[in-house]
């Protein structure tokens, strides 16, 4: 499955009410490290069947960025049962990202 585009409109349904863990990538189109991380996020979206993967463009969805105190990007948040269970800032390897779910 492709990473979902997460917006203020679908955030509650796709993330907070999800029945499985959700990985959210907070990114922006002008961010070099975000571009480096993007293929890894897409691979995870394809490979992880028990995890939902989404992306939040902080330029278009500034309210979500503010709500979760996103100060630098890329920032990854893992949500479990509607709450943030793990946070990662900066470019990480696929293995490091998978560790966030443990």
PDB file of N, CA and C in Angstrom:
ATOM      1  N   UNK A   1       0.839  -1.193   0.000  1.00  0.00           N
ATOM      2  CA  UNK A   1       0.000   0.000   0.000  1.00  0.00           C
ATOM      3  C   UNK A   1       0.882   1.254   0.000  1.00  0.00           C
ATOM      4  N   UNK A   2       0.431   2.265  -0.656  1.00  0.00           N
ATOM      5  CA  UNK A   2       1.167   3.526  -0.702  1.00  0.00           C
ATOM      6  C   UNK A   2       0.925   4.299   0.598  1.00  0.00           C
ATOM      7  N   UNK A   3       1.903   5.125   0.981  1.00  0.00           N
ATOM      8  CA  UNK A   3       1.726   5.973   2.158  1.00  0.00           C
ATOM      9  C   UNK A   3       0.545   6.915   1.923  1.00  0.00           C
ATOM     10  N   UNK A   4      -0.292   7.058   2.929  1.00  0.00           N
ATOM     11  CA  UNK A   4      -1.479   7.907   2.833  1.00  0.00           C
ATOM     12  C   UNK A   4      -1.105   9.368   3.019  1.00  0.00           C
ATOM     13  N   UNK A   5      -1.788  10.236   2.300  1.00  0.00           N
ATOM     14  CA  UNK A   5      -1.631  11.668   2.562  1.00  0.00           C
ATOM     15  C   UNK A   5      -2.546  12.008   3.727  1.00  0.00           C
ATOM     16  N   UNK A   6      -1.953  12.449   4.817  1.00  0.00           N
ATOM     17  CA  UNK A   6      -2.719  12.753   6.019  1.00  0.00           C
ATOM     18  C   UNK A   6      -2.924  14.267   6.094  1.00  0.00           C
ATOM     19  N   UNK A   7      -4.179  14.641   6.309  1.00  0.00           N
ATOM     20  CA  UNK A   7      -4.541  16.054   6.433  1.00  0.00           C
ATOM     21  C   UNK A   7      -5.316  16.251   7.728  1.00  0.00           C
ATOM     22  N   UNK A   8      -5.576  17.503   8.044  1.00  0.00           N
ATOM     23  CA  UNK A   8      -6.391  17.802   9.220  1.00  0.00           C
ATOM     24  C   UNK A   8      -7.756  17.107   9.101  1.00  0.00           C
ATOM     25  N   UNK A   9      -8.267  17.027   7.876  1.00  0.00           N
ATOM     26  CA  UNK A   9      -9.594  16.460   7.650  1.00  0.00           C
ATOM     27  C   UNK A   9      -9.657  14.956   7.927  1.00  0.00           C
ATOM     28  N   UNK A  10      -8.593  14.206   7.606  1.00  0.00           N
ATOM     29  CA  UNK A  10      -8.668  12.754   7.788  1.00  0.00           C
ATOM     30  C   UNK A  10      -7.803  12.245   8.948  1.00  0.00           C
ATOM     31  N   UNK A  11      -7.149  13.148   9.676  1.00  0.00           N
ATOM     32  CA  UNK A  11      -6.221  12.750  10.733  1.00  0.00           C
ATOM     33  C   UNK A  11      -6.889  11.903  11.808  1.00  0.00           C
ATOM     34  N   UNK A  12      -8.014  12.353  12.300  1.00  0.00           N
ATOM     35  CA  UNK A  12      -8.675  11.613  13.380  1.00  0.00           C
ATOM     36  C   UNK A  12      -9.037  10.200  12.927  1.00  0.00           C
ATOM     37  N   UNK A  13      -9.643  10.087  11.761  1.00  0.00           N
ATOM     38  CA  UNK A  13     -10.080   8.782  11.257  1.00  0.00           C
ATOM     39  C   UNK A  13      -8.890   7.869  10.933  1.00  0.00           C
ATOM     40  N   UNK A  14      -7.900   8.387  10.220  1.00  0.00           N
ATOM     41  CA  UNK A  14      -6.786   7.557   9.743  1.00  0.00           C
ATOM     42  C   UNK A  14      -5.728   7.277  10.808  1.00  0.00           C
ATOM     43  N   UNK A  15      -5.574   8.196  11.759  1.00  0.00           N
ATOM     44  CA  UNK A  15      -4.487   8.063  12.738  1.00  0.00           C
ATOM     45  C   UNK A  15      -5.017   7.767  14.137  1.00  0.00           C
ATOM     46  N   UNK A  16      -5.820   8.669  14.677  1.00  0.00           N
ATOM     47  CA  UNK A  16      -6.245   8.528  16.070  1.00  0.00           C
ATOM     48  C   UNK A  16      -7.182   7.341  16.287  1.00  0.00           C
ATOM     49  N   UNK A  17      -8.004   7.005  15.288  1.00  0.00           N
ATOM     50  CA  UNK A  17      -8.955   5.901  15.428  1.00  0.00           C
ATOM     51  C   UNK A  17      -8.473   4.621  14.739  1.00  0.00           C
ATOM     52  N   UNK A  18      -7.223   4.592  14.293  1.00  0.00           N
ATOM     53  CA  UNK A  18      -6.693   3.430  13.575  1.00  0.00           C
ATOM     54  C   UNK A  18      -6.667   2.208  14.489  1.00  0.00           C
ATOM     55  N   UNK A  19      -6.905   1.034  13.899  1.00  0.00           N
ATOM     56  CA  UNK A  19      -6.915  -0.210  14.668  1.00  0.00           C
ATOM     57  C   UNK A  19      -5.544  -0.898  14.683  1.00  0.00           C
ATOM     58  N   UNK A  20      -4.531  -0.199  14.150  1.00  0.00           N
ATOM     59  CA  UNK A  20      -3.166  -0.717  14.197  1.00  0.00           C
ATOM     60  C   UNK A  20      -2.216   0.461  14.336  1.00  0.00           C
ATOM     61  N   UNK A  21      -0.939   0.217  14.664  1.00  0.00           N
ATOM     62  CA  UNK A  21      -0.002   1.337  14.791  1.00  0.00           C
ATOM     63  C   UNK A  21       0.095   2.138  13.497  1.00  0.00           C
ATOM     64  N   UNK A  22       0.349   3.436  13.654  1.00  0.00           N
ATOM     65  CA  UNK A  22       0.445   4.333  12.503  1.00  0.00           C
ATOM     66  C   UNK A  22       1.779   5.077  12.563  1.00  0.00           C
ATOM     67  N   UNK A  23       2.508   5.044  11.455  1.00  0.00           N
ATOM     68  CA  UNK A  23       3.752   5.794  11.317  1.00  0.00           C
ATOM     69  C   UNK A  23       3.443   7.033  10.487  1.00  0.00           C
ATOM     70  N   UNK A  24       3.721   8.210  11.039  1.00  0.00           N
ATOM     71  CA  UNK A  24       3.478   9.450  10.313  1.00  0.00           C
ATOM     72  C   UNK A  24       4.808  10.162  10.070  1.00  0.00           C
ATOM     73  N   UNK A  25       5.037  10.516   8.820  1.00  0.00           N
ATOM     74  CA  UNK A  25       6.228  11.256   8.407  1.00  0.00           C
ATOM     75  C   UNK A  25       5.823  12.713   8.204  1.00  0.00           C
ATOM     76  N   UNK A  26       6.338  13.608   9.064  1.00  0.00           N
ATOM     77  CA  UNK A  26       6.120  15.047   8.893  1.00  0.00           C
ATOM     78  C   UNK A  26       7.249  15.557   8.004  1.00  0.00           C
ATOM     79  N   UNK A  27       6.909  16.134   6.848  1.00  0.00           N
ATOM     80  CA  UNK A  27       7.898  16.485   5.830  1.00  0.00           C
ATOM     81  C   UNK A  27       7.493  17.764   5.101  1.00  0.00           C
ATOM     82  N   UNK A  28       8.381  18.242   4.227  1.00  0.00           N
ATOM     83  CA  UNK A  28       8.072  19.372   3.339  1.00  0.00           C
ATOM     84  C   UNK A  28       8.812  19.147   2.021  1.00  0.00           C
ATOM     85  N   UNK A  29       8.250  19.685   0.943  1.00  0.00           N
ATOM     86  CA  UNK A  29       8.803  19.460  -0.399  1.00  0.00           C
ATOM     87  C   UNK A  29      10.184  20.083  -0.583  1.00  0.00           C
ATOM     88  N   UNK A  30      10.503  21.134   0.169  1.00  0.00           N
ATOM     89  CA  UNK A  30      11.781  21.840   0.024  1.00  0.00           C
ATOM     90  C   UNK A  30      12.881  21.253   0.900  1.00  0.00           C
ATOM     91  N   UNK A  31      12.568  20.239   1.690  1.00  0.00           N
ATOM     92  CA  UNK A  31      13.485  19.688   2.695  1.00  0.00           C
ATOM     93  C   UNK A  31      14.322  18.550   2.104  1.00  0.00           C
ATOM     94  N   UNK A  32      15.636  18.768   1.980  1.00  0.00           N
ATOM     95  CA  UNK A  32      16.534  17.757   1.429  1.00  0.00           C
ATOM     96  C   UNK A  32      16.505  16.430   2.175  1.00  0.00           C
ATOM     97  N   UNK A  33      16.681  16.443   3.527  1.00  0.00           N
ATOM     98  CA  UNK A  33      16.618  15.183   4.273  1.00  0.00           C
ATOM     99  C   UNK A  33      15.266  14.467   4.127  1.00  0.00           C
ATOM    100  N   UNK A  34      14.182  15.248   3.985  1.00  0.00           N
ATOM    101  CA  UNK A  34      12.859  14.638   3.777  1.00  0.00           C
ATOM    102  C   UNK A  34      12.836  13.851   2.468  1.00  0.00           C
ATOM    103  N   UNK A  35      13.454  14.431   1.436  1.00  0.00           N
ATOM    104  CA  UNK A  35      13.512  13.760   0.132  1.00  0.00           C
ATOM    105  C   UNK A  35      14.332  12.478   0.226  1.00  0.00           C
ATOM    106  N   UNK A  36      15.385  12.486   1.054  1.00  0.00           N
ATOM    107  CA  UNK A  36      16.195  11.287   1.243  1.00  0.00           C
ATOM    108  C   UNK A  36      15.397  10.198   1.965  1.00  0.00           C
ATOM    109  N   UNK A  37      14.566  10.597   2.906  1.00  0.00           N
ATOM    110  CA  UNK A  37      13.805   9.643   3.716  1.00  0.00           C
ATOM    111  C   UNK A  37      12.575   9.114   2.982  1.00  0.00           C
ATOM    112  N   UNK A  38      12.045   9.890   2.058  1.00  0.00           N
ATOM    113  CA  UNK A  38      10.791   9.541   1.394  1.00  0.00           C
ATOM    114  C   UNK A  38      10.758   8.134   0.776  1.00  0.00           C
ATOM    115  N   UNK A  39      11.799   7.698   0.035  1.00  0.00           N
ATOM    116  CA  UNK A  39      11.745   6.340  -0.532  1.00  0.00           C
ATOM    117  C   UNK A  39      11.685   5.252   0.543  1.00  0.00           C
ATOM    118  N   UNK A  40      12.334   5.505   1.677  1.00  0.00           N
ATOM    119  CA  UNK A  40      12.307   4.539   2.785  1.00  0.00           C
ATOM    120  C   UNK A  40      10.887   4.443   3.348  1.00  0.00           C
ATOM    121  N   UNK A  41      10.234   5.596   3.502  1.00  0.00           N
ATOM    122  CA  UNK A  41       8.856   5.624   4.014  1.00  0.00           C
ATOM    123  C   UNK A  41       7.938   4.866   3.056  1.00  0.00           C
ATOM    124  N   UNK A  42       8.110   5.083   1.748  1.00  0.00           N
ATOM    125  CA  UNK A  42       7.274   4.383   0.762  1.00  0.00           C
ATOM    126  C   UNK A  42       7.523   2.871   0.800  1.00  0.00           C
ATOM    127  N   UNK A  43       8.791   2.466   0.974  1.00  0.00           N
ATOM    128  CA  UNK A  43       9.099   1.032   1.085  1.00  0.00           C
ATOM    129  C   UNK A  43       8.400   0.434   2.298  1.00  0.00           C
ATOM    130  N   UNK A  44       8.458   1.142   3.417  1.00  0.00           N
ATOM    131  CA  UNK A  44       7.799   0.649   4.627  1.00  0.00           C
ATOM    132  C   UNK A  44       6.295   0.550   4.423  1.00  0.00           C
ATOM    133  N   UNK A  45       5.721   1.526   3.735  1.00  0.00           N
ATOM    134  CA  UNK A  45       4.278   1.499   3.456  1.00  0.00           C
ATOM    135  C   UNK A  45       3.922   0.244   2.662  1.00  0.00           C
ATOM    136  N   UNK A  46       4.795  -0.149   1.725  1.00  0.00           N
ATOM    137  CA  UNK A  46       4.556  -1.339   0.906  1.00  0.00           C
ATOM    138  C   UNK A  46       4.761  -2.619   1.707  1.00  0.00           C
ATOM    139  N   UNK A  47       5.775  -2.646   2.581  1.00  0.00           N
ATOM    140  CA  UNK A  47       6.206  -3.885   3.226  1.00  0.00           C
ATOM    141  C   UNK A  47       5.497  -4.201   4.533  1.00  0.00           C
ATOM    142  N   UNK A  48       5.160  -3.192   5.319  1.00  0.00           N
ATOM    143  CA  UNK A  48       4.583  -3.435   6.641  1.00  0.00           C
ATOM    144  C   UNK A  48       3.074  -3.591   6.541  1.00  0.00           C
ATOM    145  N   UNK A  49       2.601  -4.808   6.743  1.00  0.00           N
ATOM    146  CA  UNK A  49       1.162  -5.053   6.616  1.00  0.00           C
ATOM    147  C   UNK A  49       0.399  -4.742   7.896  1.00  0.00           C
ATOM    148  N   UNK A  50       1.080  -4.778   9.031  1.00  0.00           N
ATOM    149  CA  UNK A  50       0.399  -4.558  10.308  1.00  0.00           C
ATOM    150  C   UNK A  50       0.579  -3.130  10.823  1.00  0.00           C
ATOM    151  N   UNK A  51       1.024  -2.239   9.930  1.00  0.00           N
ATOM    152  CA  UNK A  51       1.237  -0.830  10.282  1.00  0.00           C
ATOM    153  C   UNK A  51       0.678   0.041   9.164  1.00  0.00           C
ATOM    154  N   UNK A  52       0.029   1.133   9.547  1.00  0.00           N
ATOM    155  CA  UNK A  52      -0.432   2.115   8.566  1.00  0.00           C
ATOM    156  C   UNK A  52       0.637   3.198   8.464  1.00  0.00           C
ATOM    157  N   UNK A  53       0.927   3.642   7.251  1.00  0.00           N
ATOM    158  CA  UNK A  53       1.960   4.652   7.044  1.00  0.00           C
ATOM    159  C   UNK A  53       1.335   5.871   6.361  1.00  0.00           C
ATOM    160  N   UNK A  54       1.610   7.045   6.909  1.00  0.00           N
ATOM    161  CA  UNK A  54       1.076   8.277   6.332  1.00  0.00           C
ATOM    162  C   UNK A  54       2.117   9.369   6.328  1.00  0.00           C
ATOM    163  N   UNK A  55       1.838  10.401   5.525  1.00  0.00           N
ATOM    164  CA  UNK A  55       2.737  11.554   5.409  1.00  0.00           C
ATOM    165  C   UNK A  55       1.936  12.829   5.624  1.00  0.00           C
ATOM    166  N   UNK A  56       2.521  13.741   6.383  1.00  0.00           N
ATOM    167  CA  UNK A  56       1.907  15.050   6.621  1.00  0.00           C
ATOM    168  C   UNK A  56       2.848  16.114   6.070  1.00  0.00           C
ATOM    169  N   UNK A  57       2.378  16.857   5.076  1.00  0.00           N
ATOM    170  CA  UNK A  57       3.141  17.979   4.535  1.00  0.00           C
ATOM    171  C   UNK A  57       2.954  19.156   5.493  1.00  0.00           C
ATOM    172  N   UNK A  58       4.032  19.532   6.196  1.00  0.00           N
ATOM    173  CA  UNK A  58       3.897  20.559   7.236  1.00  0.00           C
ATOM    174  C   UNK A  58       3.580  21.944   6.678  1.00  0.00           C
ATOM    175  N   UNK A  59       3.899  22.184   5.408  1.00  0.00           N
ATOM    176  CA  UNK A  59       3.553  23.472   4.804  1.00  0.00           C
ATOM    177  C   UNK A  59       2.055  23.573   4.565  1.00  0.00           C
ATOM    178  N   UNK A  60       1.440  22.453   4.175  1.00  0.00           N
ATOM    179  CA  UNK A  60       0.007  22.452   3.882  1.00  0.00           C
ATOM    180  C   UNK A  60      -0.835  22.168   5.119  1.00  0.00           C
ATOM    181  N   UNK A  61      -0.260  21.498   6.100  1.00  0.00           N
ATOM    182  CA  UNK A  61      -1.005  21.085   7.302  1.00  0.00           C
ATOM    183  C   UNK A  61      -0.313  21.629   8.553  1.00  0.00           C
ATOM    184  N   UNK A  62      -0.119  22.946   8.593  1.00  0.00           N
ATOM    185  CA  UNK A  62       0.650  23.559   9.684  1.00  0.00           C
ATOM    186  C   UNK A  62       0.009  23.324  11.054  1.00  0.00           C
ATOM    187  N   UNK A  63      -1.319  23.210  11.097  1.00  0.00           N
ATOM    188  CA  UNK A  63      -1.991  22.970  12.383  1.00  0.00           C
ATOM    189  C   UNK A  63      -1.553  21.652  13.002  1.00  0.00           C
ATOM    190  N   UNK A  64      -1.411  20.612  12.171  1.00  0.00           N
ATOM    191  CA  UNK A  64      -0.969  19.313  12.692  1.00  0.00           C
ATOM    192  C   UNK A  64       0.477  19.401  13.167  1.00  0.00           C
ATOM    193  N   UNK A  65       1.305  20.116  12.417  1.00  0.00           N
ATOM    194  CA  UNK A  65       2.692  20.303  12.842  1.00  0.00           C
ATOM    195  C   UNK A  65       2.778  21.007  14.184  1.00  0.00           C
ATOM    196  N   UNK A  66       1.950  22.020  14.365  1.00  0.00           N
ATOM    197  CA  UNK A  66       1.931  22.758  15.628  1.00  0.00           C
ATOM    198  C   UNK A  66       1.390  21.902  16.761  1.00  0.00           C
ATOM    199  N   UNK A  67       0.340  21.156  16.484  1.00  0.00           N
ATOM    200  CA  UNK A  67      -0.281  20.323  17.515  1.00  0.00           C
ATOM    201  C   UNK A  67       0.707  19.331  18.106  1.00  0.00           C
ATOM    202  N   UNK A  68       1.584  18.795  17.244  1.00  0.00           N
ATOM    203  CA  UNK A  68       2.549  17.784  17.704  1.00  0.00           C
ATOM    204  C   UNK A  68       3.956  18.355  17.865  1.00  0.00           C
ATOM    205  N   UNK A  69       4.048  19.688  17.976  1.00  0.00           N
ATOM    206  CA  UNK A  69       5.317  20.375  18.251  1.00  0.00           C
ATOM    207  C   UNK A  69       6.445  19.949  17.319  1.00  0.00           C
ATOM    208  N   UNK A  70       6.150  19.900  16.032  1.00  0.00           N
ATOM    209  CA  UNK A  70       7.166  19.546  15.048  1.00  0.00           C
ATOM    210  C   UNK A  70       8.067  20.768  14.852  1.00  0.00           C
ATOM    211  N   UNK A  71       9.311  20.662  15.320  1.00  0.00           N
ATOM    212  CA  UNK A  71      10.253  21.778  15.251  1.00  0.00           C
ATOM    213  C   UNK A  71      11.238  21.610  14.100  1.00  0.00           C
ATOM    214  N   UNK A  72      11.549  20.378  13.739  1.00  0.00           N
ATOM    215  CA  UNK A  72      12.442  20.132  12.614  1.00  0.00           C
ATOM    216  C   UNK A  72      11.924  18.936  11.837  1.00  0.00           C
ATOM    217  N   UNK A  73      12.265  18.904  10.567  1.00  0.00           N
ATOM    218  CA  UNK A  73      11.779  17.824   9.722  1.00  0.00           C
ATOM    219  C   UNK A  73      12.959  17.184   9.000  1.00  0.00           C
ATOM    220  N   UNK A  74      12.871  15.930   8.636  1.00  0.00           N
ATOM    221  CA  UNK A  74      11.714  15.055   8.846  1.00  0.00           C
ATOM    222  C   UNK A  74      11.586  14.620  10.308  1.00  0.00           C
ATOM    223  N   UNK A  75      10.360  14.540  10.778  1.00  0.00           N
ATOM    224  CA  UNK A  75      10.052  13.969  12.086  1.00  0.00           C
ATOM    225  C   UNK A  75       9.077  12.821  11.862  1.00  0.00           C
ATOM    226  N   UNK A  76       9.371  11.690  12.483  1.00  0.00           N
ATOM    227  CA  UNK A  76       8.480  10.535  12.422  1.00  0.00           C
ATOM    228  C   UNK A  76       7.821  10.371  13.776  1.00  0.00           C
ATOM    229  N   UNK A  77       6.511  10.162  13.769  1.00  0.00           N
ATOM    230  CA  UNK A  77       5.778   9.847  14.993  1.00  0.00           C
ATOM    231  C   UNK A  77       5.089   8.507  14.797  1.00  0.00           C
ATOM    232  N   UNK A  78       5.143   7.669  15.821  1.00  0.00           N
ATOM    233  CA  UNK A  78       4.398   6.416  15.811  1.00  0.00           C
ATOM    234  C   UNK A  78       3.233   6.586  16.773  1.00  0.00           C
ATOM    235  N   UNK A  79       2.033   6.334  16.278  1.00  0.00           N
ATOM    236  CA  UNK A  79       0.822   6.407  17.103  1.00  0.00           C
ATOM    237  C   UNK A  79       0.330   4.998  17.383  1.00  0.00           C
ATOM    238  N   UNK A  80       0.029   4.732  18.650  1.00  0.00           N
ATOM    239  CA  UNK A  80      -0.624   3.479  19.032  1.00  0.00           C
ATOM    240  C   UNK A  80      -1.814   3.855  19.889  1.00  0.00           C
ATOM    241  N   UNK A  81      -2.973   3.333  19.554  1.00  0.00           N
ATOM    242  CA  UNK A  81      -4.210   3.636  20.286  1.00  0.00           C
ATOM    243  C   UNK A  81      -4.440   5.136  20.415  1.00  0.00           C
ATOM    244  N   UNK A  82      -4.133   5.877  19.344  1.00  0.00           N
ATOM    245  CA  UNK A  82      -4.413   7.299  19.315  1.00  0.00           C
ATOM    246  C   UNK A  82      -3.414   8.181  20.041  1.00  0.00           C
ATOM    247  N   UNK A  83      -2.340   7.574  20.585  1.00  0.00           N
ATOM    248  CA  UNK A  83      -1.340   8.348  21.322  1.00  0.00           C
ATOM    249  C   UNK A  83       0.039   8.150  20.698  1.00  0.00           C
ATOM    250  N   UNK A  84       0.890   9.174  20.812  1.00  0.00           N
ATOM    251  CA  UNK A  84       2.261   9.070  20.294  1.00  0.00           C
ATOM    252  C   UNK A  84       3.037   8.109  21.184  1.00  0.00           C
ATOM    253  N   UNK A  85       3.590   7.061  20.587  1.00  0.00           N
ATOM    254  CA  UNK A  85       4.354   6.078  21.361  1.00  0.00           C
ATOM    255  C   UNK A  85       5.846   6.158  21.076  1.00  0.00           C
ATOM    256  N   UNK A  86       6.227   6.799  19.975  1.00  0.00           N
ATOM    257  CA  UNK A  86       7.643   6.945  19.646  1.00  0.00           C
ATOM    258  C   UNK A  86       7.826   8.138  18.719  1.00  0.00           C
ATOM    259  N   UNK A  87       9.012   8.748  18.817  1.00  0.00           N
ATOM    260  CA  UNK A  87       9.348   9.914  17.998  1.00  0.00           C
ATOM    261  C   UNK A  87      10.763   9.749  17.470  1.00  0.00           C
ATOM    262  N   UNK A  88      10.969  10.176  16.238  1.00  0.00           N
ATOM    263  CA  UNK A  88      12.303  10.138  15.648  1.00  0.00           C
ATOM    264  C   UNK A  88      12.473  11.385  14.788  1.00  0.00           C
ATOM    265  N   UNK A  89      13.607  12.061  14.933  1.00  0.00           N
ATOM    266  CA  UNK A  89      13.876  13.268  14.155  1.00  0.00           C
ATOM    267  C   UNK A  89      15.100  13.020  13.282  1.00  0.00           C
ATOM    268  N   UNK A  90      14.993  13.404  12.021  1.00  0.00           N
ATOM    269  CA  UNK A  90      16.112  13.256  11.099  1.00  0.00           C
ATOM    270  C   UNK A  90      15.992  11.997  10.253  1.00  0.00           C
ATOM    271  N   UNK A  91      16.947  11.837   9.351  1.00  0.00           N
ATOM    272  CA  UNK A  91      16.945  10.684   8.447  1.00  0.00           C
ATOM    273  C   UNK A  91      17.396   9.451   9.219  1.00  0.00           C
ATOM    274  N   UNK A  92      16.627   8.376   9.107  1.00  0.00           N
ATOM    275  CA  UNK A  92      16.940   7.123   9.776  1.00  0.00           C
ATOM    276  C   UNK A  92      16.903   5.991   8.754  1.00  0.00           C
ATOM    277  N   UNK A  93      17.570   4.914   9.093  1.00  0.00           N
ATOM    278  CA  UNK A  93      17.532   3.736   8.226  1.00  0.00           C
ATOM    279  C   UNK A  93      16.197   3.017   8.415  1.00  0.00           C
ATOM    280  N   UNK A  94      15.887   2.154   7.470  1.00  0.00           N
ATOM    281  CA  UNK A  94      14.653   1.373   7.565  1.00  0.00           C
ATOM    282  C   UNK A  94      14.628   0.574   8.868  1.00  0.00           C
ATOM    283  N   UNK A  95      15.767  -0.044   9.218  1.00  0.00           N
ATOM    284  CA  UNK A  95      15.842  -0.849  10.447  1.00  0.00           C
ATOM    285  C   UNK A  95      15.581   0.010  11.685  1.00  0.00           C
ATOM    286  N   UNK A  96      16.142   1.230  11.702  1.00  0.00           N
ATOM    287  CA  UNK A  96      15.931   2.124  12.849  1.00  0.00           C
ATOM    288  C   UNK A  96      14.462   2.524  12.957  1.00  0.00           C
ATOM    289  N   UNK A  97      13.816   2.726  11.829  1.00  0.00           N
ATOM    290  CA  UNK A  97      12.400   3.100  11.853  1.00  0.00           C
ATOM    291  C   UNK A  97      11.551   1.936  12.348  1.00  0.00           C
ATOM    292  N   UNK A  98      11.853   0.734  11.885  1.00  0.00           N
ATOM    293  CA  UNK A  98      11.093  -0.447  12.331  1.00  0.00           C
ATOM    294  C   UNK A  98      11.231  -0.630  13.843  1.00  0.00           C
ATOM    295  N   UNK A  99      12.400  -0.294  14.396  1.00  0.00           N
ATOM    296  CA  UNK A  99      12.615  -0.396  15.850  1.00  0.00           C
ATOM    297  C   UNK A  99      11.650   0.492  16.640  1.00  0.00           C
ATOM    298  N   UNK A 100      11.167   1.567  16.037  1.00  0.00           N
ATOM    299  CA  UNK A 100      10.235   2.470  16.730  1.00  0.00           C
ATOM    300  C   UNK A 100       8.954   1.755  17.141  1.00  0.00           C
ATOM    301  N   UNK A 101       8.623   0.669  16.469  1.00  0.00           N
ATOM    302  CA  UNK A 101       7.373  -0.035  16.765  1.00  0.00           C
ATOM    303  C   UNK A 101       7.518  -1.031  17.908  1.00  0.00           C
ATOM    304  N   UNK A 102       8.735  -1.240  18.380  1.00  0.00           N
ATOM    305  CA  UNK A 102       8.963  -2.275  19.400  1.00  0.00           C
ATOM    306  C   UNK A 102       8.896  -1.718  20.797  1.00  0.00           C
TER     307      UNK A 102
END
